[in-house]
């Protein structure tokens, strides 16, 4: 598996077991996802490929991460799954070797 595949799996697993995760771990996962998504978008842009996502998802999820203590589990789970989907799509578009 690749690093991005592992990250996507970790986000899906976390979304499915969210009630067991402490707030700090939720924040850490969301922040890692925002960073990874931004890096993959930047790589696409740098290589001259079409970037189908803007930074709006990362901005919204960054806000969720900053206020994770006040967010319902469902919102955090949806944010993790959104990151997983976006990172997966960006990985495919970057044609990362599997």
C-alpha atoms as a PDB file:
ATOM      1  CA  UNK A   1       0.000   0.000   0.000  1.00  0.00           C
ATOM      2  CA  UNK A   2       1.022   3.607  -0.445  1.00  0.00           C
ATOM      3  CA  UNK A   3       1.092   6.350   2.137  1.00  0.00           C
ATOM      4  CA  UNK A   4      -2.044   7.958   0.703  1.00  0.00           C
ATOM      5  CA  UNK A   5      -3.888   4.640   0.571  1.00  0.00           C
ATOM      6  CA  UNK A   6      -2.996   4.039   4.218  1.00  0.00           C
ATOM      7  CA  UNK A   7      -4.171   7.549   5.090  1.00  0.00           C
ATOM      8  CA  UNK A   8      -7.502   7.054   3.322  1.00  0.00           C
ATOM      9  CA  UNK A   9      -7.979   3.746   5.161  1.00  0.00           C
ATOM     10  CA  UNK A  10      -7.145   5.411   8.464  1.00  0.00           C
ATOM     11  CA  UNK A  11      -9.751   8.139   7.876  1.00  0.00           C
ATOM     12  CA  UNK A  12     -12.479   5.638   6.987  1.00  0.00           C
ATOM     13  CA  UNK A  13     -11.631   3.514  10.025  1.00  0.00           C
ATOM     14  CA  UNK A  14     -11.679   6.594  12.268  1.00  0.00           C
ATOM     15  CA  UNK A  15     -15.045   7.723  10.876  1.00  0.00           C
ATOM     16  CA  UNK A  16     -16.483   4.297  11.655  1.00  0.00           C
ATOM     17  CA  UNK A  17     -15.152   4.243  15.234  1.00  0.00           C
ATOM     18  CA  UNK A  18     -15.455   7.941  16.011  1.00  0.00           C
ATOM     19  CA  UNK A  19     -17.102   7.662  19.455  1.00  0.00           C
ATOM     20  CA  UNK A  20     -13.967   5.884  20.689  1.00  0.00           C
ATOM     21  CA  UNK A  21     -11.587   8.618  19.489  1.00  0.00           C
ATOM     22  CA  UNK A  22     -10.535  11.410  21.857  1.00  0.00           C
ATOM     23  CA  UNK A  23     -10.952  15.015  20.716  1.00  0.00           C
ATOM     24  CA  UNK A  24      -7.196  15.491  20.267  1.00  0.00           C
ATOM     25  CA  UNK A  25      -6.980  12.506  17.918  1.00  0.00           C
ATOM     26  CA  UNK A  26      -9.936  13.767  15.902  1.00  0.00           C
ATOM     27  CA  UNK A  27      -8.245  17.154  15.505  1.00  0.00           C
ATOM     28  CA  UNK A  28      -4.932  15.533  14.553  1.00  0.00           C
ATOM     29  CA  UNK A  29      -6.556  13.372  11.871  1.00  0.00           C
ATOM     30  CA  UNK A  30      -8.470  16.292  10.381  1.00  0.00           C
ATOM     31  CA  UNK A  31      -5.360  18.477  10.319  1.00  0.00           C
ATOM     32  CA  UNK A  32      -3.322  15.700   8.672  1.00  0.00           C
ATOM     33  CA  UNK A  33      -6.023  15.291   6.053  1.00  0.00           C
ATOM     34  CA  UNK A  34      -6.164  18.997   5.276  1.00  0.00           C
ATOM     35  CA  UNK A  35      -2.374  19.062   4.917  1.00  0.00           C
ATOM     36  CA  UNK A  36      -2.287  15.968   2.687  1.00  0.00           C
ATOM     37  CA  UNK A  37      -5.122  17.203   0.495  1.00  0.00           C
ATOM     38  CA  UNK A  38      -3.476  20.592   0.056  1.00  0.00           C
ATOM     39  CA  UNK A  39      -0.151  18.980  -0.812  1.00  0.00           C
ATOM     40  CA  UNK A  40      -1.732  16.710  -3.412  1.00  0.00           C
ATOM     41  CA  UNK A  41      -3.628  19.645  -4.937  1.00  0.00           C
ATOM     42  CA  UNK A  42      -0.365  21.598  -5.051  1.00  0.00           C
ATOM     43  CA  UNK A  43       1.412  18.719  -6.760  1.00  0.00           C
ATOM     44  CA  UNK A  44      -1.284  18.523  -9.416  1.00  0.00           C
ATOM     45  CA  UNK A  45      -1.024  22.238  -9.998  1.00  0.00           C
ATOM     46  CA  UNK A  46       2.787  22.165 -10.095  1.00  0.00           C
ATOM     47  CA  UNK A  47       2.805  19.419 -12.722  1.00  0.00           C
ATOM     48  CA  UNK A  48       0.341  21.374 -14.867  1.00  0.00           C
ATOM     49  CA  UNK A  49      -2.532  18.949 -14.437  1.00  0.00           C
ATOM     50  CA  UNK A  50      -6.150  19.993 -14.017  1.00  0.00           C
ATOM     51  CA  UNK A  51      -7.051  20.488 -10.348  1.00  0.00           C
ATOM     52  CA  UNK A  52     -10.753  19.646  -9.895  1.00  0.00           C
ATOM     53  CA  UNK A  53     -10.877  20.808  -6.259  1.00  0.00           C
ATOM     54  CA  UNK A  54     -10.323  24.228  -4.786  1.00  0.00           C
ATOM     55  CA  UNK A  55      -9.284  24.865  -1.197  1.00  0.00           C
ATOM     56  CA  UNK A  56     -12.847  25.306   0.093  1.00  0.00           C
ATOM     57  CA  UNK A  57     -13.157  21.764   1.443  1.00  0.00           C
ATOM     58  CA  UNK A  58      -9.864  22.106   3.265  1.00  0.00           C
ATOM     59  CA  UNK A  59     -10.920  25.472   4.686  1.00  0.00           C
ATOM     60  CA  UNK A  60     -14.221  24.128   6.031  1.00  0.00           C
ATOM     61  CA  UNK A  61     -12.603  21.010   7.472  1.00  0.00           C
ATOM     62  CA  UNK A  62      -9.878  23.168   9.011  1.00  0.00           C
ATOM     63  CA  UNK A  63     -12.608  25.106  10.803  1.00  0.00           C
ATOM     64  CA  UNK A  64     -14.148  21.844  12.003  1.00  0.00           C
ATOM     65  CA  UNK A  65     -10.725  20.762  13.305  1.00  0.00           C
ATOM     66  CA  UNK A  66     -10.237  24.039  15.183  1.00  0.00           C
ATOM     67  CA  UNK A  67     -13.651  23.645  16.843  1.00  0.00           C
ATOM     68  CA  UNK A  68     -13.743  19.856  17.106  1.00  0.00           C
ATOM     69  CA  UNK A  69     -14.860  19.963  20.762  1.00  0.00           C
ATOM     70  CA  UNK A  70     -18.109  21.651  19.696  1.00  0.00           C
ATOM     71  CA  UNK A  71     -18.793  19.461  16.666  1.00  0.00           C
ATOM     72  CA  UNK A  72     -21.215  16.529  16.689  1.00  0.00           C
ATOM     73  CA  UNK A  73     -19.768  13.116  15.867  1.00  0.00           C
ATOM     74  CA  UNK A  74     -21.697  13.028  12.599  1.00  0.00           C
ATOM     75  CA  UNK A  75     -20.044  16.243  11.379  1.00  0.00           C
ATOM     76  CA  UNK A  76     -16.550  15.002  12.217  1.00  0.00           C
ATOM     77  CA  UNK A  77     -17.240  11.621  10.584  1.00  0.00           C
ATOM     78  CA  UNK A  78     -18.501  13.319   7.419  1.00  0.00           C
ATOM     79  CA  UNK A  79     -15.419  15.543   7.353  1.00  0.00           C
ATOM     80  CA  UNK A  80     -13.130  12.509   7.643  1.00  0.00           C
ATOM     81  CA  UNK A  81     -14.983  10.722   4.848  1.00  0.00           C
ATOM     82  CA  UNK A  82     -14.898  13.842   2.657  1.00  0.00           C
ATOM     83  CA  UNK A  83     -11.136  14.057   3.145  1.00  0.00           C
ATOM     84  CA  UNK A  84     -10.754  10.361   2.376  1.00  0.00           C
ATOM     85  CA  UNK A  85     -12.669  10.760  -0.877  1.00  0.00           C
ATOM     86  CA  UNK A  86     -10.829  13.894  -1.930  1.00  0.00           C
ATOM     87  CA  UNK A  87      -7.390  12.462  -1.125  1.00  0.00           C
ATOM     88  CA  UNK A  88      -8.240   9.276  -3.011  1.00  0.00           C
ATOM     89  CA  UNK A  89      -9.343  11.236  -6.070  1.00  0.00           C
ATOM     90  CA  UNK A  90      -6.259  13.464  -5.978  1.00  0.00           C
ATOM     91  CA  UNK A  91      -4.011  10.412  -5.652  1.00  0.00           C
ATOM     92  CA  UNK A  92      -5.603   8.878  -8.739  1.00  0.00           C
ATOM     93  CA  UNK A  93      -5.270  12.127 -10.672  1.00  0.00           C
ATOM     94  CA  UNK A  94      -1.607  12.341  -9.682  1.00  0.00           C
ATOM     95  CA  UNK A  95      -1.209   8.776 -10.989  1.00  0.00           C
ATOM     96  CA  UNK A  96       0.677   7.683  -7.925  1.00  0.00           C
ATOM     97  CA  UNK A  97       1.999   4.146  -8.318  1.00  0.00           C
ATOM     98  CA  UNK A  98       0.003   1.705  -6.221  1.00  0.00           C
END
